[in-house]
Amino acid sequence: MSRHDFQIPVVFTHRIVFTRDAFAAGNAALAEILRDGGGRCAIACNESSTML
């Protein structure tokens, strides 16, 4: 048996989008991410107690 080791470089593109009210009907950001990203995304949410 012969063994061959290869290094295979892999490039990933990660898009980060900051938005408010991501699930609001008028916010198209989530729909665009799902459409452009092949239907996969991860969402991180936080609730700010700061009043602007």
Protein backbone atom coordinates (compact mmCIF):
# COMPACT_ATOMS: atom_id res chain seq x y z
CA MET A 1 0.00 0.00 0.00
CA SER A 2 1.30 3.46 -0.82
CA ARG A 3 0.23 6.55 1.03
CA HIS A 4 0.06 10.08 -0.33
CA ASP A 5 -0.65 13.15 1.78
CA PHE A 6 -2.02 16.25 0.11
CA GLN A 7 -2.67 19.71 1.48
CA ILE A 8 -5.89 21.08 0.06
CA PRO A 9 -6.55 24.77 0.69
CA VAL A 10 -10.20 25.62 1.21
CA VAL A 11 -11.56 29.16 1.02
CA PHE A 12 -14.73 30.13 2.84
CA THR A 13 -16.63 33.37 2.56
CA HIS A 14 -18.50 34.50 5.64
CA ARG A 15 -20.99 37.33 5.35
CA ILE A 16 -21.87 39.23 8.49
CA VAL A 17 -24.94 41.45 8.47
CA PHE A 18 -25.91 43.77 11.30
CA THR A 19 -29.55 44.81 11.35
CA ARG A 20 -32.31 45.72 13.74
CA ASP A 21 -35.65 43.95 13.92
CA ALA A 22 -34.39 41.06 11.76
CA PHE A 23 -37.76 39.29 11.85
CA ALA A 24 -39.90 42.35 11.09
CA ALA A 25 -42.01 42.11 7.95
CA GLY A 26 -40.40 45.21 6.44
CA ASN A 27 -36.81 44.03 6.97
CA ALA A 28 -35.57 42.25 3.84
CA ALA A 29 -32.12 41.39 5.28
CA LEU A 30 -33.00 37.85 6.40
CA ALA A 31 -34.70 36.97 3.10
CA GLU A 32 -31.68 38.25 1.16
CA ILE A 33 -29.24 36.27 3.30
CA LEU A 34 -31.22 33.05 2.86
CA ARG A 35 -31.54 33.60 -0.89
CA ASP A 36 -27.89 34.55 -1.47
CA GLY A 37 -26.45 32.05 1.02
CA GLY A 38 -28.11 28.93 -0.34
CA GLY A 39 -30.74 28.78 2.39
CA ARG A 40 -28.41 28.53 5.39
CA CYS A 41 -27.55 31.06 8.04
CA ALA A 42 -26.82 31.45 11.73
CA ILE A 43 -28.52 34.17 13.73
CA ALA A 44 -27.25 35.73 16.95
CA CYS A 45 -29.66 37.99 18.80
CA ASN A 46 -29.38 40.16 21.81
CA GLU A 47 -31.84 42.40 23.54
CA SER A 48 -30.53 45.77 24.50
CA SER A 49 -32.05 47.55 27.45
CA THR A 50 -30.62 50.85 26.22
CA MET A 51 -33.20 53.34 25.04
CA LEU A 52 -32.01 55.47 22.11
